[in-house]
């Protein structure tokens, strides 16, 4: 499947290795999209984690008021883990497509 994709790009007559096309191609697009999504997910999770800790501290030990921050902390930590995991998935996809993942950082 990927060979067909590479043949299509090769037969297009466009030299993607020329300086005018630097920063283009499927590897660059995947890397940029994943980096953008993972940065946004990381910061949203980080802010929600901080907000959850504030809610937890200000709950004054009330069991009903503690449930919401505990759930939010769980989801925030999960979001942080997924943001980091997304970078690993990006490296696997780029390696599968034949790109060097280190060249996109």
PDB file of N, CA and C in Angstrom:
ATOM      1  N   UNK A   1       0.824  -1.186   0.000  1.00  0.00           N
ATOM      2  CA  UNK A   1       0.000   0.000   0.000  1.00  0.00           C
ATOM      3  C   UNK A   1       0.870   1.253   0.000  1.00  0.00           C
ATOM      4  N   UNK A   2       1.919   1.258   0.812  1.00  0.00           N
ATOM      5  CA  UNK A   2       2.775   2.426   0.874  1.00  0.00           C
ATOM      6  C   UNK A   2       3.623   2.559  -0.387  1.00  0.00           C
ATOM      7  N   UNK A   3       3.911   1.417  -1.041  1.00  0.00           N
ATOM      8  CA  UNK A   3       4.657   1.485  -2.299  1.00  0.00           C
ATOM      9  C   UNK A   3       3.853   2.225  -3.357  1.00  0.00           C
ATOM     10  N   UNK A   4       2.557   1.976  -3.411  1.00  0.00           N
ATOM     11  CA  UNK A   4       1.695   2.681  -4.363  1.00  0.00           C
ATOM     12  C   UNK A   4       1.703   4.175  -4.080  1.00  0.00           C
ATOM     13  N   UNK A   5       1.658   4.528  -2.821  1.00  0.00           N
ATOM     14  CA  UNK A   5       1.691   5.941  -2.436  1.00  0.00           C
ATOM     15  C   UNK A   5       3.012   6.584  -2.855  1.00  0.00           C
ATOM     16  N   UNK A   6       4.135   5.889  -2.588  1.00  0.00           N
ATOM     17  CA  UNK A   6       5.446   6.427  -2.955  1.00  0.00           C
ATOM     18  C   UNK A   6       5.607   6.526  -4.467  1.00  0.00           C
ATOM     19  N   UNK A   7       5.081   5.540  -5.222  1.00  0.00           N
ATOM     20  CA  UNK A   7       5.164   5.598  -6.687  1.00  0.00           C
ATOM     21  C   UNK A   7       4.358   6.769  -7.220  1.00  0.00           C
ATOM     22  N   UNK A   8       3.225   7.045  -6.616  1.00  0.00           N
ATOM     23  CA  UNK A   8       2.402   8.180  -7.047  1.00  0.00           C
ATOM     24  C   UNK A   8       3.155   9.479  -6.846  1.00  0.00           C
ATOM     25  N   UNK A   9       3.818   9.618  -5.703  1.00  0.00           N
ATOM     26  CA  UNK A   9       4.601  10.828  -5.441  1.00  0.00           C
ATOM     27  C   UNK A   9       5.778  10.913  -6.396  1.00  0.00           C
ATOM     28  N   UNK A  10       6.468   9.779  -6.635  1.00  0.00           N
ATOM     29  CA  UNK A  10       7.627   9.777  -7.519  1.00  0.00           C
ATOM     30  C   UNK A  10       7.251  10.090  -8.959  1.00  0.00           C
ATOM     31  N   UNK A  11       6.073   9.644  -9.414  1.00  0.00           N
ATOM     32  CA  UNK A  11       5.645   9.857 -10.795  1.00  0.00           C
ATOM     33  C   UNK A  11       4.987  11.210 -11.018  1.00  0.00           C
ATOM     34  N   UNK A  12       4.869  12.022  -9.986  1.00  0.00           N
ATOM     35  CA  UNK A  12       4.200  13.309 -10.142  1.00  0.00           C
ATOM     36  C   UNK A  12       5.080  14.331 -10.842  1.00  0.00           C
ATOM     37  N   UNK A  13       6.387  14.072 -10.921  1.00  0.00           N
ATOM     38  CA  UNK A  13       7.297  15.005 -11.581  1.00  0.00           C
ATOM     39  C   UNK A  13       7.748  16.132 -10.669  1.00  0.00           C
ATOM     40  N   UNK A  14       7.335  16.105  -9.429  1.00  0.00           N
ATOM     41  CA  UNK A  14       7.719  17.143  -8.472  1.00  0.00           C
ATOM     42  C   UNK A  14       8.903  16.614  -7.668  1.00  0.00           C
ATOM     43  N   UNK A  15       9.946  17.393  -7.607  1.00  0.00           N
ATOM     44  CA  UNK A  15      11.114  17.016  -6.823  1.00  0.00           C
ATOM     45  C   UNK A  15      10.923  17.544  -5.406  1.00  0.00           C
ATOM     46  N   UNK A  16      10.431  16.677  -4.524  1.00  0.00           N
ATOM     47  CA  UNK A  16      10.156  17.117  -3.158  1.00  0.00           C
ATOM     48  C   UNK A  16      11.430  17.299  -2.350  1.00  0.00           C
ATOM     49  N   UNK A  17      12.563  16.890  -2.877  1.00  0.00           N
ATOM     50  CA  UNK A  17      13.830  17.068  -2.177  1.00  0.00           C
ATOM     51  C   UNK A  17      14.495  18.397  -2.508  1.00  0.00           C
ATOM     52  N   UNK A  18      13.901  19.189  -3.406  1.00  0.00           N
ATOM     53  CA  UNK A  18      14.483  20.478  -3.750  1.00  0.00           C
ATOM     54  C   UNK A  18      14.247  21.476  -2.620  1.00  0.00           C
ATOM     55  N   UNK A  19      15.087  22.511  -2.520  1.00  0.00           N
ATOM     56  CA  UNK A  19      14.950  23.485  -1.429  1.00  0.00           C
ATOM     57  C   UNK A  19      13.612  24.206  -1.401  1.00  0.00           C
ATOM     58  N   UNK A  20      12.978  24.369  -2.553  1.00  0.00           N
ATOM     59  CA  UNK A  20      11.691  25.082  -2.563  1.00  0.00           C
ATOM     60  C   UNK A  20      10.572  24.277  -1.926  1.00  0.00           C
ATOM     61  N   UNK A  21      10.756  22.973  -1.800  1.00  0.00           N
ATOM     62  CA  UNK A  21       9.751  22.129  -1.164  1.00  0.00           C
ATOM     63  C   UNK A  21      10.169  21.692   0.231  1.00  0.00           C
ATOM     64  N   UNK A  22      11.159  22.353   0.803  1.00  0.00           N
ATOM     65  CA  UNK A  22      11.586  22.001   2.153  1.00  0.00           C
ATOM     66  C   UNK A  22      10.443  22.280   3.130  1.00  0.00           C
ATOM     67  N   UNK A  23      10.185  21.343   4.002  1.00  0.00           N
ATOM     68  CA  UNK A  23       9.076  21.499   4.936  1.00  0.00           C
ATOM     69  C   UNK A  23       7.763  21.052   4.336  1.00  0.00           C
ATOM     70  N   UNK A  24       7.816  20.201   3.339  1.00  0.00           N
ATOM     71  CA  UNK A  24       6.592  19.679   2.756  1.00  0.00           C
ATOM     72  C   UNK A  24       6.696  18.159   2.706  1.00  0.00           C
ATOM     73  N   UNK A  25       5.654  17.516   2.336  1.00  0.00           N
ATOM     74  CA  UNK A  25       5.639  16.063   2.245  1.00  0.00           C
ATOM     75  C   UNK A  25       4.792  15.467   3.344  1.00  0.00           C
ATOM     76  N   UNK A  26       4.502  14.185   3.171  1.00  0.00           N
ATOM     77  CA  UNK A  26       3.603  13.513   4.105  1.00  0.00           C
ATOM     78  C   UNK A  26       4.228  13.379   5.495  1.00  0.00           C
ATOM     79  N   UNK A  27       5.533  13.142   5.559  1.00  0.00           N
ATOM     80  CA  UNK A  27       6.189  13.027   6.856  1.00  0.00           C
ATOM     81  C   UNK A  27       6.129  14.320   7.633  1.00  0.00           C
ATOM     82  N   UNK A  28       6.360  15.415   6.942  1.00  0.00           N
ATOM     83  CA  UNK A  28       6.311  16.724   7.591  1.00  0.00           C
ATOM     84  C   UNK A  28       4.886  17.036   8.045  1.00  0.00           C
ATOM     85  N   UNK A  29       3.899  16.713   7.212  1.00  0.00           N
ATOM     86  CA  UNK A  29       2.504  16.989   7.581  1.00  0.00           C
ATOM     87  C   UNK A  29       2.076  16.172   8.794  1.00  0.00           C
ATOM     88  N   UNK A  30       2.445  14.886   8.822  1.00  0.00           N
ATOM     89  CA  UNK A  30       2.095  14.043   9.959  1.00  0.00           C
ATOM     90  C   UNK A  30       2.768  14.563  11.223  1.00  0.00           C
ATOM     91  N   UNK A  31       4.044  14.884  11.097  1.00  0.00           N
ATOM     92  CA  UNK A  31       4.793  15.356  12.251  1.00  0.00           C
ATOM     93  C   UNK A  31       4.226  16.669  12.793  1.00  0.00           C
ATOM     94  N   UNK A  32       3.915  17.600  11.916  1.00  0.00           N
ATOM     95  CA  UNK A  32       3.375  18.887  12.345  1.00  0.00           C
ATOM     96  C   UNK A  32       2.003  18.729  12.988  1.00  0.00           C
ATOM     97  N   UNK A  33       1.145  17.922  12.395  1.00  0.00           N
ATOM     98  CA  UNK A  33      -0.202  17.719  12.933  1.00  0.00           C
ATOM     99  C   UNK A  33      -0.147  17.054  14.310  1.00  0.00           C
ATOM    100  N   UNK A  34       0.657  16.019  14.434  1.00  0.00           N
ATOM    101  CA  UNK A  34       0.752  15.306  15.709  1.00  0.00           C
ATOM    102  C   UNK A  34       1.385  16.194  16.771  1.00  0.00           C
ATOM    103  N   UNK A  35       2.428  16.937  16.395  1.00  0.00           N
ATOM    104  CA  UNK A  35       3.060  17.834  17.365  1.00  0.00           C
ATOM    105  C   UNK A  35       2.081  18.894  17.861  1.00  0.00           C
ATOM    106  N   UNK A  36       1.308  19.467  16.950  1.00  0.00           N
ATOM    107  CA  UNK A  36       0.336  20.493  17.331  1.00  0.00           C
ATOM    108  C   UNK A  36      -0.729  19.915  18.265  1.00  0.00           C
ATOM    109  N   UNK A  37      -1.263  18.767  17.901  1.00  0.00           N
ATOM    110  CA  UNK A  37      -2.300  18.138  18.720  1.00  0.00           C
ATOM    111  C   UNK A  37      -1.759  17.747  20.090  1.00  0.00           C
ATOM    112  N   UNK A  38      -0.550  17.179  20.130  1.00  0.00           N
ATOM    113  CA  UNK A  38      -0.016  16.740  21.414  1.00  0.00           C
ATOM    114  C   UNK A  38       0.368  17.920  22.309  1.00  0.00           C
ATOM    115  N   UNK A  39       0.832  19.026  21.730  1.00  0.00           N
ATOM    116  CA  UNK A  39       1.129  20.216  22.537  1.00  0.00           C
ATOM    117  C   UNK A  39      -0.147  20.790  23.136  1.00  0.00           C
ATOM    118  N   UNK A  40      -1.189  20.893  22.331  1.00  0.00           N
ATOM    119  CA  UNK A  40      -2.465  21.406  22.831  1.00  0.00           C
ATOM    120  C   UNK A  40      -3.023  20.479  23.915  1.00  0.00           C
ATOM    121  N   UNK A  41      -2.983  19.163  23.669  1.00  0.00           N
ATOM    122  CA  UNK A  41      -3.495  18.200  24.648  1.00  0.00           C
ATOM    123  C   UNK A  41      -2.700  18.260  25.944  1.00  0.00           C
ATOM    124  N   UNK A  42      -1.383  18.409  25.834  1.00  0.00           N
ATOM    125  CA  UNK A  42      -0.551  18.487  27.030  1.00  0.00           C
ATOM    126  C   UNK A  42      -0.910  19.703  27.862  1.00  0.00           C
ATOM    127  N   UNK A  43      -1.015  20.871  27.234  1.00  0.00           N
ATOM    128  CA  UNK A  43      -1.285  22.088  27.996  1.00  0.00           C
ATOM    129  C   UNK A  43      -2.704  22.114  28.562  1.00  0.00           C
ATOM    130  N   UNK A  44      -3.673  21.622  27.820  1.00  0.00           N
ATOM    131  CA  UNK A  44      -5.035  21.556  28.353  1.00  0.00           C
ATOM    132  C   UNK A  44      -5.073  20.619  29.560  1.00  0.00           C
ATOM    133  N   UNK A  45      -4.411  19.476  29.445  1.00  0.00           N
ATOM    134  CA  UNK A  45      -4.367  18.537  30.571  1.00  0.00           C
ATOM    135  C   UNK A  45      -3.637  19.124  31.762  1.00  0.00           C
ATOM    136  N   UNK A  46      -2.552  19.841  31.514  1.00  0.00           N
ATOM    137  CA  UNK A  46      -1.781  20.449  32.596  1.00  0.00           C
ATOM    138  C   UNK A  46      -2.604  21.508  33.329  1.00  0.00           C
ATOM    139  N   UNK A  47      -3.302  22.353  32.573  1.00  0.00           N
ATOM    140  CA  UNK A  47      -4.139  23.394  33.186  1.00  0.00           C
ATOM    141  C   UNK A  47      -5.285  22.758  33.965  1.00  0.00           C
ATOM    142  N   UNK A  48      -5.899  21.733  33.397  1.00  0.00           N
ATOM    143  CA  UNK A  48      -6.991  21.049  34.103  1.00  0.00           C
ATOM    144  C   UNK A  48      -6.490  20.352  35.363  1.00  0.00           C
ATOM    145  N   UNK A  49      -5.269  19.835  35.332  1.00  0.00           N
ATOM    146  CA  UNK A  49      -4.697  19.207  36.512  1.00  0.00           C
ATOM    147  C   UNK A  49      -4.483  20.246  37.616  1.00  0.00           C
ATOM    148  N   UNK A  50      -3.962  21.389  37.250  1.00  0.00           N
ATOM    149  CA  UNK A  50      -3.758  22.459  38.237  1.00  0.00           C
ATOM    150  C   UNK A  50      -5.097  22.924  38.807  1.00  0.00           C
ATOM    151  N   UNK A  51      -6.095  23.105  37.947  1.00  0.00           N
ATOM    152  CA  UNK A  51      -7.421  23.522  38.394  1.00  0.00           C
ATOM    153  C   UNK A  51      -8.048  22.457  39.307  1.00  0.00           C
ATOM    154  N   UNK A  52      -7.836  21.186  38.972  1.00  0.00           N
ATOM    155  CA  UNK A  52      -8.381  20.102  39.788  1.00  0.00           C
ATOM    156  C   UNK A  52      -7.762  20.086  41.173  1.00  0.00           C
ATOM    157  N   UNK A  53      -6.455  20.343  41.240  1.00  0.00           N
ATOM    158  CA  UNK A  53      -5.801  20.400  42.546  1.00  0.00           C
ATOM    159  C   UNK A  53      -6.334  21.564  43.376  1.00  0.00           C
ATOM    160  N   UNK A  54      -6.608  22.676  42.732  1.00  0.00           N
ATOM    161  CA  UNK A  54      -7.185  23.819  43.455  1.00  0.00           C
ATOM    162  C   UNK A  54      -8.569  23.455  43.992  1.00  0.00           C
ATOM    163  N   UNK A  55      -9.389  22.797  43.156  1.00  0.00           N
ATOM    164  CA  UNK A  55     -10.710  22.357  43.617  1.00  0.00           C
ATOM    165  C   UNK A  55     -10.586  21.354  44.768  1.00  0.00           C
ATOM    166  N   UNK A  56      -9.614  20.477  44.665  1.00  0.00           N
ATOM    167  CA  UNK A  56      -9.422  19.469  45.704  1.00  0.00           C
ATOM    168  C   UNK A  56      -9.011  20.113  47.021  1.00  0.00           C
ATOM    169  N   UNK A  57      -8.114  21.075  46.950  1.00  0.00           N
ATOM    170  CA  UNK A  57      -7.648  21.754  48.163  1.00  0.00           C
ATOM    171  C   UNK A  57      -8.768  22.562  48.810  1.00  0.00           C
ATOM    172  N   UNK A  58      -9.599  23.197  47.987  1.00  0.00           N
ATOM    173  CA  UNK A  58     -10.670  24.047  48.519  1.00  0.00           C
ATOM    174  C   UNK A  58     -11.949  23.276  48.849  1.00  0.00           C
ATOM    175  N   UNK A  59     -11.935  21.961  48.714  1.00  0.00           N
ATOM    176  CA  UNK A  59     -13.149  21.186  48.982  1.00  0.00           C
ATOM    177  C   UNK A  59     -13.418  21.022  50.476  1.00  0.00           C
ATOM    178  N   UNK A  60     -12.467  21.347  51.298  1.00  0.00           N
ATOM    179  CA  UNK A  60     -12.574  21.304  52.764  1.00  0.00           C
ATOM    180  C   UNK A  60     -13.029  19.946  53.300  1.00  0.00           C
ATOM    181  N   UNK A  61     -12.697  18.871  52.611  1.00  0.00           N
ATOM    182  CA  UNK A  61     -12.983  17.531  53.105  1.00  0.00           C
ATOM    183  C   UNK A  61     -14.401  17.055  52.895  1.00  0.00           C
ATOM    184  N   UNK A  62     -15.248  17.837  52.241  1.00  0.00           N
ATOM    185  CA  UNK A  62     -16.622  17.433  51.972  1.00  0.00           C
ATOM    186  C   UNK A  62     -16.609  16.319  50.912  1.00  0.00           C
ATOM    187  N   UNK A  63     -17.157  15.142  51.222  1.00  0.00           N
ATOM    188  CA  UNK A  63     -17.099  14.016  50.276  1.00  0.00           C
ATOM    189  C   UNK A  63     -17.748  14.306  48.919  1.00  0.00           C
ATOM    190  N   UNK A  64     -18.820  15.081  48.923  1.00  0.00           N
ATOM    191  CA  UNK A  64     -19.482  15.397  47.657  1.00  0.00           C
ATOM    192  C   UNK A  64     -18.638  16.332  46.804  1.00  0.00           C
ATOM    193  N   UNK A  65     -17.918  17.252  47.452  1.00  0.00           N
ATOM    194  CA  UNK A  65     -17.095  18.208  46.709  1.00  0.00           C
ATOM    195  C   UNK A  65     -15.754  17.600  46.288  1.00  0.00           C
ATOM    196  N   UNK A  66     -15.386  16.462  46.863  1.00  0.00           N
ATOM    197  CA  UNK A  66     -14.117  15.819  46.518  1.00  0.00           C
ATOM    198  C   UNK A  66     -14.249  14.966  45.253  1.00  0.00           C
ATOM    199  N   UNK A  67     -15.423  14.457  44.960  1.00  0.00           N
ATOM    200  CA  UNK A  67     -15.605  13.554  43.820  1.00  0.00           C
ATOM    201  C   UNK A  67     -15.261  14.216  42.480  1.00  0.00           C
ATOM    202  N   UNK A  68     -15.688  15.442  42.276  1.00  0.00           N
ATOM    203  CA  UNK A  68     -15.425  16.133  41.006  1.00  0.00           C
ATOM    204  C   UNK A  68     -13.929  16.336  40.773  1.00  0.00           C
ATOM    205  N   UNK A  69     -13.171  16.855  41.731  1.00  0.00           N
ATOM    206  CA  UNK A  69     -11.728  17.011  41.492  1.00  0.00           C
ATOM    207  C   UNK A  69     -10.993  15.683  41.325  1.00  0.00           C
ATOM    208  N   UNK A  70     -11.425  14.642  42.038  1.00  0.00           N
ATOM    209  CA  UNK A  70     -10.767  13.351  41.879  1.00  0.00           C
ATOM    210  C   UNK A  70     -10.947  12.815  40.467  1.00  0.00           C
ATOM    211  N   UNK A  71     -12.141  12.949  39.946  1.00  0.00           N
ATOM    212  CA  UNK A  71     -12.402  12.513  38.577  1.00  0.00           C
ATOM    213  C   UNK A  71     -11.618  13.363  37.573  1.00  0.00           C
ATOM    214  N   UNK A  72     -11.576  14.668  37.807  1.00  0.00           N
ATOM    215  CA  UNK A  72     -10.845  15.566  36.905  1.00  0.00           C
ATOM    216  C   UNK A  72      -9.340  15.299  36.941  1.00  0.00           C
ATOM    217  N   UNK A  73      -8.808  14.970  38.112  1.00  0.00           N
ATOM    218  CA  UNK A  73      -7.386  14.633  38.220  1.00  0.00           C
ATOM    219  C   UNK A  73      -7.092  13.361  37.430  1.00  0.00           C
ATOM    220  N   UNK A  74      -7.966  12.383  37.544  1.00  0.00           N
ATOM    221  CA  UNK A  74      -7.781  11.133  36.800  1.00  0.00           C
ATOM    222  C   UNK A  74      -7.750  11.392  35.298  1.00  0.00           C
ATOM    223  N   UNK A  75      -8.717  12.160  34.801  1.00  0.00           N
ATOM    224  CA  UNK A  75      -8.776  12.439  33.369  1.00  0.00           C
ATOM    225  C   UNK A  75      -7.620  13.326  32.907  1.00  0.00           C
ATOM    226  N   UNK A  76      -7.169  14.231  33.761  1.00  0.00           N
ATOM    227  CA  UNK A  76      -6.041  15.087  33.403  1.00  0.00           C
ATOM    228  C   UNK A  76      -4.748  14.287  33.271  1.00  0.00           C
ATOM    229  N   UNK A  77      -4.528  13.380  34.198  1.00  0.00           N
ATOM    230  CA  UNK A  77      -3.334  12.525  34.119  1.00  0.00           C
ATOM    231  C   UNK A  77      -3.412  11.622  32.892  1.00  0.00           C
ATOM    232  N   UNK A  78      -4.588  11.105  32.605  1.00  0.00           N
ATOM    233  CA  UNK A  78      -4.770  10.295  31.402  1.00  0.00           C
ATOM    234  C   UNK A  78      -4.477  11.119  30.150  1.00  0.00           C
ATOM    235  N   UNK A  79      -4.911  12.374  30.126  1.00  0.00           N
ATOM    236  CA  UNK A  79      -4.620  13.252  28.992  1.00  0.00           C
ATOM    237  C   UNK A  79      -3.136  13.503  28.828  1.00  0.00           C
ATOM    238  N   UNK A  80      -2.420  13.682  29.936  1.00  0.00           N
ATOM    239  CA  UNK A  80      -0.965  13.864  29.867  1.00  0.00           C
ATOM    240  C   UNK A  80      -0.282  12.614  29.315  1.00  0.00           C
ATOM    241  N   UNK A  81      -0.722  11.466  29.762  1.00  0.00           N
ATOM    242  CA  UNK A  81      -0.145  10.209  29.276  1.00  0.00           C
ATOM    243  C   UNK A  81      -0.417  10.037  27.788  1.00  0.00           C
ATOM    244  N   UNK A  82      -1.630  10.338  27.351  1.00  0.00           N
ATOM    245  CA  UNK A  82      -1.967  10.201  25.936  1.00  0.00           C
ATOM    246  C   UNK A  82      -1.196  11.189  25.062  1.00  0.00           C
ATOM    247  N   UNK A  83      -0.937  12.387  25.572  1.00  0.00           N
ATOM    248  CA  UNK A  83      -0.159  13.366  24.816  1.00  0.00           C
ATOM    249  C   UNK A  83       1.265  12.859  24.586  1.00  0.00           C
ATOM    250  N   UNK A  84       1.831  12.215  25.596  1.00  0.00           N
ATOM    251  CA  UNK A  84       3.176  11.642  25.444  1.00  0.00           C
ATOM    252  C   UNK A  84       3.130  10.405  24.546  1.00  0.00           C
ATOM    253  N   UNK A  85       2.105   9.587  24.696  1.00  0.00           N
ATOM    254  CA  UNK A  85       1.956   8.387  23.878  1.00  0.00           C
ATOM    255  C   UNK A  85       1.777   8.733  22.400  1.00  0.00           C
ATOM    256  N   UNK A  86       1.150   9.850  22.130  1.00  0.00           N
ATOM    257  CA  UNK A  86       0.940  10.294  20.754  1.00  0.00           C
ATOM    258  C   UNK A  86       2.260  10.513  20.027  1.00  0.00           C
ATOM    259  N   UNK A  87       3.273  10.992  20.730  1.00  0.00           N
ATOM    260  CA  UNK A  87       4.592  11.174  20.123  1.00  0.00           C
ATOM    261  C   UNK A  87       5.218   9.823  19.752  1.00  0.00           C
ATOM    262  N   UNK A  88       4.994   8.801  20.560  1.00  0.00           N
ATOM    263  CA  UNK A  88       5.508   7.463  20.242  1.00  0.00           C
ATOM    264  C   UNK A  88       4.798   6.889  19.022  1.00  0.00           C
ATOM    265  N   UNK A  89       3.498   7.104  18.950  1.00  0.00           N
ATOM    266  CA  UNK A  89       2.733   6.627  17.801  1.00  0.00           C
ATOM    267  C   UNK A  89       3.202   7.337  16.541  1.00  0.00           C
ATOM    268  N   UNK A  90       3.516   8.634  16.648  1.00  0.00           N
ATOM    269  CA  UNK A  90       4.032   9.381  15.502  1.00  0.00           C
ATOM    270  C   UNK A  90       5.328   8.767  14.999  1.00  0.00           C
ATOM    271  N   UNK A  91       6.209   8.428  15.908  1.00  0.00           N
ATOM    272  CA  UNK A  91       7.489   7.831  15.516  1.00  0.00           C
ATOM    273  C   UNK A  91       7.274   6.487  14.818  1.00  0.00           C
ATOM    274  N   UNK A  92       6.328   5.698  15.299  1.00  0.00           N
ATOM    275  CA  UNK A  92       6.038   4.400  14.671  1.00  0.00           C
ATOM    276  C   UNK A  92       5.482   4.601  13.268  1.00  0.00           C
ATOM    277  N   UNK A  93       4.564   5.550  13.105  1.00  0.00           N
ATOM    278  CA  UNK A  93       3.973   5.804  11.786  1.00  0.00           C
ATOM    279  C   UNK A  93       5.025   6.306  10.814  1.00  0.00           C
ATOM    280  N   UNK A  94       5.860   7.251  11.241  1.00  0.00           N
ATOM    281  CA  UNK A  94       6.890   7.774  10.351  1.00  0.00           C
ATOM    282  C   UNK A  94       7.905   6.705   9.974  1.00  0.00           C
ATOM    283  N   UNK A  95       8.253   5.836  10.909  1.00  0.00           N
ATOM    284  CA  UNK A  95       9.172   4.742  10.609  1.00  0.00           C
ATOM    285  C   UNK A  95       8.538   3.776   9.621  1.00  0.00           C
ATOM    286  N   UNK A  96       7.239   3.498   9.786  1.00  0.00           N
ATOM    287  CA  UNK A  96       6.531   2.610   8.871  1.00  0.00           C
ATOM    288  C   UNK A  96       6.505   3.189   7.451  1.00  0.00           C
ATOM    289  N   UNK A  97       6.359   4.506   7.349  1.00  0.00           N
ATOM    290  CA  UNK A  97       6.343   5.153   6.037  1.00  0.00           C
ATOM    291  C   UNK A  97       7.740   5.314   5.443  1.00  0.00           C
ATOM    292  N   UNK A  98       8.774   4.999   6.213  1.00  0.00           N
ATOM    293  CA  UNK A  98      10.130   5.068   5.706  1.00  0.00           C
ATOM    294  C   UNK A  98      10.841   6.359   5.990  1.00  0.00           C
ATOM    295  N   UNK A  99      10.334   7.156   6.900  1.00  0.00           N
ATOM    296  CA  UNK A  99      10.972   8.419   7.264  1.00  0.00           C
ATOM    297  C   UNK A  99      11.774   8.235   8.550  1.00  0.00           C
ATOM    298  N   UNK A 100      12.741   9.114   8.748  1.00  0.00           N
ATOM    299  CA  UNK A 100      13.511   9.125   9.987  1.00  0.00           C
ATOM    300  C   UNK A 100      12.798  10.062  10.959  1.00  0.00           C
ATOM    301  N   UNK A 101      12.192   9.527  12.033  1.00  0.00           N
ATOM    302  CA  UNK A 101      11.438  10.389  12.952  1.00  0.00           C
ATOM    303  C   UNK A 101      12.299  11.469  13.607  1.00  0.00           C
ATOM    304  N   UNK A 102      13.592  11.208  13.759  1.00  0.00           N
ATOM    305  CA  UNK A 102      14.475  12.181  14.385  1.00  0.00           C
ATOM    306  C   UNK A 102      14.694  13.422  13.554  1.00  0.00           C
ATOM    307  N   UNK A 103      14.460  13.339  12.255  1.00  0.00           N
ATOM    308  CA  UNK A 103      14.694  14.501  11.396  1.00  0.00           C
ATOM    309  C   UNK A 103      13.563  15.520  11.465  1.00  0.00           C
ATOM    310  N   UNK A 104      12.473  15.184  12.149  1.00  0.00           N
ATOM    311  CA  UNK A 104      11.336  16.097  12.235  1.00  0.00           C
ATOM    312  C   UNK A 104      11.256  16.831  13.559  1.00  0.00           C
ATOM    313  N   UNK A 105      12.195  16.604  14.468  1.00  0.00           N
ATOM    314  CA  UNK A 105      12.146  17.259  15.775  1.00  0.00           C
ATOM    315  C   UNK A 105      12.926  18.533  15.744  1.00  0.00           C
TER     316      UNK A 105
END
